[in-house]
Protein backbone atom coordinates (compact mmCIF):
# COMPACT_ATOMS: atom_id res chain seq x y z
CA UNK A 1 0.25 0.26 0.34
CA UNK A 2 2.65 2.09 0.56
CA UNK A 3 4.23 2.03 -2.37
CA UNK A 4 1.19 2.48 -4.48
CA UNK A 5 0.87 5.54 -2.52
CA UNK A 6 4.13 6.61 -3.63
CA UNK A 7 3.54 5.90 -7.14
CA UNK A 8 0.85 7.33 -7.50
CA UNK A 9 2.23 10.70 -6.12
CA UNK A 10 4.90 10.51 -8.54
CA UNK A 11 2.13 9.83 -11.01
CA UNK A 12 -0.04 13.30 -10.13
CA UNK A 13 3.64 15.80 -10.21
CA UNK A 14 4.28 14.72 -13.59
CA UNK A 15 0.87 15.34 -14.91
CA UNK A 16 0.88 18.34 -12.91
CA UNK A 17 3.99 19.76 -14.22
CA UNK A 18 3.35 17.87 -18.16
CA UNK A 19 0.18 20.83 -17.72
CA UNK A 20 1.41 23.68 -16.33
CA UNK A 21 4.96 23.24 -19.18
CA UNK A 22 1.89 23.12 -21.47
CA UNK A 23 0.70 26.39 -20.10
CA UNK A 24 3.55 27.90 -19.68
CA UNK A 25 7.66 28.30 -19.61
CA UNK A 26 10.40 29.03 -16.43
CA UNK A 27 12.77 31.01 -17.61
CA UNK A 28 15.66 31.00 -15.73
CA UNK A 29 18.64 33.30 -16.34
CA UNK A 30 21.34 35.73 -15.14
CA UNK A 31 20.67 40.17 -16.26
CA UNK A 32 23.58 42.20 -15.17
CA UNK A 33 21.74 45.57 -13.34
CA UNK A 34 23.62 49.15 -13.22
CA UNK A 35 23.11 51.37 -10.46
CA UNK A 36 24.27 54.53 -10.15
CA UNK A 37 25.68 55.39 -7.11
CA UNK A 38 26.73 59.17 -5.44
CA UNK A 39 30.55 58.82 -5.75
CA UNK A 40 31.66 62.17 -4.47
CA UNK A 41 30.73 66.14 -4.80
CA UNK A 42 33.57 67.77 -6.94
CA UNK A 43 33.93 71.60 -5.98
CA UNK A 44 34.65 74.04 -8.48
CA UNK A 45 35.02 77.93 -8.11
CA UNK A 46 33.12 80.43 -11.47
CA UNK A 47 34.40 83.85 -11.06
CA UNK A 48 31.79 86.70 -9.73
CA UNK A 49 31.66 90.60 -11.07
CA UNK A 50 32.09 92.12 -7.85
CA UNK A 51 32.59 95.59 -6.17
CA UNK A 52 35.44 96.36 -3.70
CA UNK A 53 36.69 99.04 -1.37
CA UNK A 54 40.28 100.63 -1.28
CA UNK A 55 41.74 102.60 1.88
CA UNK A 56 45.28 103.41 1.65
CA UNK A 57 47.93 105.18 3.46
CA UNK A 58 51.36 105.94 3.11
CA UNK A 59 54.18 108.59 1.68
CA UNK A 60 54.73 110.61 -1.38
CA UNK A 61 57.70 111.95 -2.80
CA UNK A 62 58.03 114.76 -4.68
CA UNK A 63 61.06 115.05 -7.69
CA UNK A 64 62.52 118.52 -7.07
CA UNK A 65 65.75 120.02 -6.03
CA UNK A 66 66.44 119.38 -2.53
CA UNK A 67 67.54 115.48 -0.83
CA UNK A 68 65.22 112.94 -1.36
CA UNK A 69 64.48 113.08 2.98
CA UNK A 70 63.09 116.77 3.08
CA UNK A 71 61.01 115.44 -0.30
CA UNK A 72 59.12 113.12 1.58
CA UNK A 73 55.35 114.00 2.67
CA UNK A 74 52.29 111.82 4.00
CA UNK A 75 49.62 110.80 1.57
CA UNK A 76 46.40 108.53 1.54
CA UNK A 77 44.07 107.67 -0.84
CA UNK A 78 40.23 105.77 -1.17
CA UNK A 79 39.41 104.40 -3.58
CA UNK A 80 36.03 102.80 -5.02
CA UNK A 81 36.59 99.95 -7.80
CA UNK A 82 34.51 97.13 -9.72
CA UNK A 83 36.33 93.81 -10.96
CA UNK A 84 34.17 93.27 -14.50
CA UNK A 85 36.65 89.70 -14.94
CA UNK A 86 39.19 88.17 -13.98
CA UNK A 87 41.48 90.48 -15.50
CA UNK A 88 40.09 94.04 -15.53
CA UNK A 89 38.88 96.45 -13.36
CA UNK A 90 38.85 99.49 -12.98
CA UNK A 91 38.31 102.19 -10.10
CA UNK A 92 37.67 105.55 -9.11
CA UNK A 93 40.60 106.58 -6.91
CA UNK A 94 40.95 110.16 -4.68
CA UNK A 95 44.59 110.68 -4.06
CA UNK A 96 46.30 113.35 -1.77
CA UNK A 97 46.93 115.27 1.41
CA UNK A 98 50.73 117.05 0.87
CA UNK A 99 53.37 117.75 -1.99
CA UNK A 100 56.90 118.82 -1.41
CA UNK A 101 59.02 121.23 -3.36
CA UNK A 102 62.76 122.63 -2.51
CA UNK A 103 66.12 123.36 -3.24
CA UNK A 104 69.14 121.80 -2.94
CA UNK A 105 71.55 125.01 -2.71
CA UNK A 106 70.07 128.64 -3.07
CA UNK A 107 71.60 131.94 -2.65
CA UNK A 108 69.71 134.88 -2.11
CA UNK A 109 70.14 138.51 -1.10
CA UNK A 110 74.07 136.59 -0.79
CA UNK A 111 73.58 134.42 1.89
CA UNK A 112 73.10 130.96 1.10
CA UNK A 113 70.50 128.94 1.96
CA UNK A 114 69.89 125.18 2.23
CA UNK A 115 67.76 122.29 1.14
CA UNK A 116 64.56 124.73 1.21
CA UNK A 117 61.74 123.14 1.56
CA UNK A 118 57.92 124.08 0.99
CA UNK A 119 54.60 122.09 1.35
CA UNK A 120 51.68 122.26 -1.06
CA UNK A 121 48.01 120.75 -0.10
CA UNK A 122 46.28 118.58 -2.67
CA UNK A 123 43.47 116.45 -3.37
CA UNK A 124 43.83 114.65 -7.32
CA UNK A 125 40.71 112.98 -7.87
CA UNK A 126 41.47 110.42 -10.65
CA UNK A 127 39.71 106.64 -12.52
CA UNK A 128 42.27 103.90 -12.70
CA UNK A 129 41.90 100.92 -15.73
CA UNK A 130 43.12 97.94 -14.30
CA UNK A 131 45.47 94.87 -15.47
CA UNK A 132 45.87 91.71 -13.18
CA UNK A 133 48.59 90.39 -14.97
CA UNK A 134 48.41 86.93 -12.02
CA UNK A 135 45.00 86.13 -13.83
CA UNK A 136 46.39 86.86 -17.29
CA UNK A 137 49.18 84.93 -17.76
CA UNK A 138 48.63 82.45 -14.90
CA UNK A 139 44.91 82.26 -15.31
CA UNK A 140 42.32 83.05 -12.61
CA UNK A 141 42.45 81.24 -9.45
CA UNK A 142 40.65 82.45 -6.55
CA UNK A 143 42.95 80.70 -3.65
CA UNK A 144 46.21 82.31 -5.22
CA UNK A 145 48.01 84.18 -2.30
CA UNK A 146 49.66 87.04 -4.08
CA UNK A 147 48.23 88.77 -7.63
CA UNK A 148 50.28 91.69 -9.09
CA UNK A 149 48.54 93.76 -11.48
CA UNK A 150 49.34 97.15 -13.72
CA UNK A 151 46.96 100.18 -13.93
CA UNK A 152 47.02 103.90 -15.64
CA UNK A 153 44.62 106.51 -15.41
CA UNK A 154 44.06 110.00 -15.00
CA UNK A 155 42.54 112.83 -13.26
CA UNK A 156 42.76 116.31 -12.21
CA UNK A 157 44.91 117.54 -9.64
CA UNK A 158 43.65 120.20 -8.09
CA UNK A 159 45.78 122.48 -5.35
CA UNK A 160 43.81 123.66 -2.16
CA UNK A 161 46.73 125.66 -0.09
CA UNK A 162 49.73 127.17 -1.84
CA UNK A 163 50.51 129.70 1.03
CA UNK A 164 54.49 128.34 1.97
CA UNK A 165 55.01 128.79 -1.97
CA UNK A 166 53.71 132.45 -2.13
CA UNK A 167 55.70 133.15 0.71
CA UNK A 168 59.00 132.24 -0.44
CA UNK A 169 57.85 134.52 -4.36
CA UNK A 170 57.32 137.15 -1.35
CA UNK A 171 60.62 136.58 0.14
CA UNK A 172 62.54 136.89 -3.08
CA UNK A 173 62.56 133.20 -3.76
CA UNK A 174 62.44 132.58 -8.07
CA UNK A 175 58.87 130.96 -8.49
CA UNK A 176 58.28 131.57 -12.06
CA UNK A 177 54.84 129.68 -11.96
CA UNK A 178 54.02 130.81 -8.80
CA UNK A 179 49.81 130.86 -8.09
CA UNK A 180 47.06 130.77 -5.51
CA UNK A 181 45.29 128.06 -3.88
CA UNK A 182 42.33 125.95 -5.75
CA UNK A 183 44.58 125.28 -9.17
CA UNK A 184 43.73 122.95 -11.45
CA UNK A 185 45.82 120.62 -12.97
CA UNK A 186 45.30 117.32 -15.55
CA UNK A 187 47.60 114.57 -13.93
CA UNK A 188 48.45 111.72 -15.46
CA UNK A 189 49.61 107.95 -13.71
CA UNK A 190 50.60 104.84 -14.09
CA UNK A 191 51.42 101.45 -10.83
CA UNK A 192 52.34 98.41 -9.65
CA UNK A 193 49.38 97.00 -7.30
CA UNK A 194 50.76 94.05 -4.77
CA UNK A 195 47.80 92.01 -3.15
CA UNK A 196 48.16 89.40 -0.75
CA UNK A 197 44.67 87.60 -0.39
CA UNK A 198 43.91 87.47 3.96
CA UNK A 199 40.98 86.40 3.43
CA UNK A 200 37.73 85.99 0.25
CA UNK A 201 36.44 89.17 1.90
CA UNK A 202 40.50 91.28 2.12
CA UNK A 203 43.08 91.68 1.17
CA UNK A 204 46.62 93.72 1.71
CA UNK A 205 47.46 96.20 -0.36
CA UNK A 206 50.91 97.06 -1.02
CA UNK A 207 50.87 99.97 -3.91
CA UNK A 208 53.60 102.39 -6.21
CA UNK A 209 52.70 104.76 -8.39
CA UNK A 210 54.21 107.64 -11.18
CA UNK A 211 52.19 110.70 -11.80
CA UNK A 212 53.20 112.93 -14.26
CA UNK A 213 51.59 116.47 -14.74
CA UNK A 214 52.69 119.94 -16.14
CA UNK A 215 55.72 121.99 -14.73
CA UNK A 216 53.62 125.11 -13.09
CA UNK A 217 52.97 121.93 -10.36
CA UNK A 218 55.70 123.12 -8.23
CA UNK A 219 55.31 126.91 -9.08
CA UNK A 220 58.96 126.81 -10.55
CA UNK A 221 60.08 126.67 -13.95
CA UNK A 222 62.57 123.76 -15.23
CA UNK A 223 60.94 122.95 -18.96
CA UNK A 224 59.98 119.81 -17.80
CA UNK A 225 57.00 117.75 -16.59
CA UNK A 226 56.66 117.47 -12.88
CA UNK A 227 57.00 114.21 -11.19
CA UNK A 228 55.45 113.06 -7.69
CA UNK A 229 55.45 108.74 -6.70
CA UNK A 230 53.47 107.13 -3.85
CA UNK A 231 54.32 104.39 -2.12
CA UNK A 232 50.80 103.11 -0.48
CA UNK A 233 49.48 100.29 1.72
CA UNK A 234 46.49 99.56 2.89
CA UNK A 235 42.81 97.62 2.33
CA UNK A 236 41.18 95.84 -0.25
CA UNK A 237 37.81 95.30 0.77
CA UNK A 238 35.55 93.07 -1.53
CA UNK A 239 31.84 94.49 -1.29
CA UNK A 240 30.28 91.35 -2.60
CA UNK A 241 31.04 87.79 -3.37
CA UNK A 242 34.12 86.88 -5.68
CA UNK A 243 33.25 83.64 -6.77
CA UNK A 244 30.49 80.86 -6.94
CA UNK A 245 31.08 77.84 -5.41
CA UNK A 246 29.71 75.14 -8.08
CA UNK A 247 29.31 71.70 -6.52
CA UNK A 248 29.89 68.60 -9.34
CA UNK A 249 27.82 65.06 -7.94
CA UNK A 250 30.73 62.41 -9.23
CA UNK A 251 28.44 59.19 -9.84
CA UNK A 252 29.91 55.49 -10.40
CA UNK A 253 28.24 52.51 -12.06
CA UNK A 254 27.30 49.61 -9.67
CA UNK A 255 26.80 46.42 -11.84
CA UNK A 256 24.56 44.26 -9.87
CA UNK A 257 24.26 40.34 -11.61
CA UNK A 258 20.60 39.65 -10.78
CA UNK A 259 18.69 35.71 -11.05
CA UNK A 260 15.62 36.34 -12.36
CA UNK A 261 12.78 34.46 -12.76
CA UNK A 262 9.94 34.72 -15.26
CA UNK A 263 7.31 33.36 -16.06
CA UNK A 264 5.82 33.92 -20.15
CA UNK A 265 2.84 32.74 -21.09
CA UNK A 266 2.69 30.83 -24.48
CA UNK A 267 0.33 32.18 -26.55
CA UNK A 268 -2.81 30.45 -26.79
CA UNK A 269 -4.01 28.39 -29.80
CA UNK A 270 -7.05 29.41 -32.21
CA UNK A 271 -9.31 26.97 -32.86
CA UNK A 272 -10.51 27.37 -36.81
CA UNK A 273 -14.26 27.50 -36.94
CA UNK A 274 -16.72 25.63 -39.20
CA UNK A 275 -20.29 26.26 -39.24
CA UNK A 276 -23.06 23.71 -41.98
CA UNK A 277 -25.57 26.53 -43.46
CA UNK A 278 -28.86 23.83 -44.58
CA UNK A 279 -31.35 24.65 -46.89
CA UNK A 280 -34.43 22.88 -47.54
CA UNK A 281 -34.95 20.80 -50.61
CA UNK A 282 -34.71 23.14 -54.26
CA UNK A 283 -34.33 26.14 -52.25
CA UNK A 284 -31.29 29.02 -52.08
CA UNK A 285 -32.93 30.70 -49.53
CA UNK A 286 -30.98 31.27 -45.60
CA UNK A 287 -33.84 30.06 -43.10
CA UNK A 288 -33.67 32.19 -39.98
CA UNK A 289 -32.40 29.99 -38.19
CA UNK A 290 -29.30 28.72 -40.46
CA UNK A 291 -28.68 33.03 -39.99
CA UNK A 292 -27.56 32.46 -36.61
CA UNK A 293 -24.65 30.66 -38.47
CA UNK A 294 -23.37 33.16 -40.48
CA UNK A 295 -23.44 35.63 -37.47
CA UNK A 296 -20.46 32.99 -36.04
CA UNK A 297 -18.38 33.27 -39.05
CA UNK A 298 -18.99 36.84 -38.89
CA UNK A 299 -17.75 37.94 -35.13
CA UNK A 300 -15.10 34.96 -35.49
CA UNK A 301 -14.12 37.32 -38.24
CA UNK A 302 -14.28 40.36 -36.43
CA UNK A 303 -12.76 38.95 -33.85
CA UNK A 304 -9.68 38.17 -35.52
CA UNK A 305 -8.66 40.58 -38.17
CA UNK A 306 -6.58 38.41 -40.13
CA UNK A 307 -9.11 35.39 -40.30
CA UNK A 308 -10.10 34.04 -43.65
CA UNK A 309 -13.44 31.62 -44.65
CA UNK A 310 -14.04 29.46 -47.10
CA UNK A 311 -17.66 28.75 -48.63
CA UNK A 312 -18.61 25.73 -50.48
CA UNK A 313 -21.62 24.72 -51.60
CA UNK A 314 -23.09 21.74 -52.18
CA UNK A 315 -26.91 19.91 -53.42
CA UNK A 316 -28.04 16.59 -52.47
CA UNK A 317 -27.89 13.59 -54.96
CA UNK A 318 -31.34 11.92 -54.54
CA UNK A 319 -32.80 14.55 -56.08
CA UNK A 320 -33.03 16.47 -59.05
CA UNK A 321 -30.56 16.35 -61.71
CA UNK A 322 -26.57 17.02 -62.07
CA UNK A 323 -27.73 19.93 -63.97
CA UNK A 324 -30.26 21.59 -61.56
CA UNK A 325 -28.13 20.15 -58.72
CA UNK A 326 -25.65 22.28 -59.88
CA UNK A 327 -27.02 25.60 -60.28
CA UNK A 328 -28.90 24.81 -56.89
CA UNK A 329 -24.59 24.30 -55.16
CA UNK A 330 -23.31 27.59 -56.45
CA UNK A 331 -26.71 29.72 -55.48
CA UNK A 332 -26.48 28.13 -51.43
CA UNK A 333 -22.52 29.10 -51.53
CA UNK A 334 -23.51 32.71 -53.28
CA UNK A 335 -26.46 33.38 -50.67
CA UNK A 336 -23.97 32.65 -47.94
CA UNK A 337 -21.39 34.76 -49.40
CA UNK A 338 -23.87 38.11 -50.59
CA UNK A 339 -25.10 37.77 -46.39
CA UNK A 340 -21.41 38.29 -45.16
CA UNK A 341 -20.50 41.40 -47.68
CA UNK A 342 -23.96 43.04 -47.23
CA UNK A 343 -25.11 42.36 -43.59
CA UNK A 344 -22.06 42.07 -41.78
CA UNK A 345 -19.77 44.32 -43.30
CA UNK A 346 -17.03 41.60 -44.22
CA UNK A 347 -14.49 42.44 -46.84
CA UNK A 348 -14.74 39.97 -50.43
CA UNK A 349 -11.01 39.61 -50.61
CA UNK A 350 -11.71 37.68 -46.82
CA UNK A 351 -14.06 35.06 -48.61
CA UNK A 352 -13.13 32.32 -50.84
CA UNK A 353 -15.37 30.19 -51.91
CA UNK A 354 -16.95 27.74 -54.79
CA UNK A 355 -19.93 25.20 -55.36
CA UNK A 356 -19.78 21.12 -56.10
CA UNK A 357 -23.11 20.23 -57.48
CA UNK A 358 -24.22 17.05 -56.30
CA UNK A 359 -20.64 15.89 -57.47
CA UNK A 360 -19.46 15.62 -53.77
CA UNK A 361 -21.60 14.79 -50.77
CA UNK A 362 -19.85 15.23 -47.65
CA UNK A 363 -22.57 13.71 -45.77
CA UNK A 364 -23.79 10.11 -46.00
CA UNK A 365 -27.57 11.64 -45.26
CA UNK A 366 -28.46 12.89 -48.33
CA UNK A 367 -30.93 15.57 -46.76
CA UNK A 368 -28.47 17.08 -45.15
CA UNK A 369 -25.98 17.79 -48.60
CA UNK A 370 -28.32 20.37 -49.16
CA UNK A 371 -25.52 22.66 -47.63
CA UNK A 372 -23.30 25.37 -47.27
CA UNK A 373 -20.24 25.11 -45.80
CA UNK A 374 -18.11 27.90 -43.84
CA UNK A 375 -14.61 26.76 -42.69
CA UNK A 376 -12.81 30.21 -41.22
CA UNK A 377 -9.61 30.13 -40.03
CA UNK A 378 -7.40 32.22 -37.96
CA UNK A 379 -5.01 33.32 -40.58
């Protein structure tokens, strides 16, 4: 009994496996699945145009006829500028305080005067066009500690106090171009700026500039332009961010091998359909009860657009003669074809028909051979 149960279980399992194989197949395969995984974030920077403020102080040397140290005076400068690109910028700056003039030795009324000097106060507003040489030749680097910038500019020099020179002229010193206060002259200048980055917002500045002005500036005649030179130190403060931070996500591909069990349903086989439309003796009229069979064929054709139908007409051999039966068989095929086309809209190119008179008898019973046989196939 135990052996019988075991054999029965094996038989049932085999039967169920066979039945399942008829309806679906199991596919076992290994697929590669690629997953994007964030590897890192790269940070880069983009230059951002910005305004800046310069606050500087230092000393000025005015070219003259006295000892070098006697022609040095305090000086200040304030500027407001804009850095348009990593290389090009511009600023409006006001420089001023004191300039000096003098003689190395001068004889007045037979008395020798050593190193006569005098002061005159001024302010010189102007505009500078600035070119960052470090960025020009080495490329922009927002973290660079040291930058060199060259600049050229022009402006106006307004003397606000020239009383010392006027007093010397009254004392007999030869001041060919003596003038009172508020005299204005055009001044041109150029120089270099050395910039040490302290942070994104603040830099330490060292600047040297040379200024050329007309021969009247120091009230004396020398038949050549006058010059003064400024050495300045101070701070540059960026009024806004000088760079934009760009964070870029960098991904890497991770490949996974996944086992996939996939059930694929096998397509169901579409069976052909057959309908036998029977007629009465010596008739080609489709009875109402037979009309439903033609509709079955039409419904099948509509459900499967690629389906085609074959219509075959017959007559029974037990009545009439061959000529009459040939006519009846053809009429029975024609009437079915006409109903399929006209009543149910089936395209004529999907219908094949023929008639066999009484030469072929599909049924053993004589009366059943008064028939049109319709067979529709899905393709």
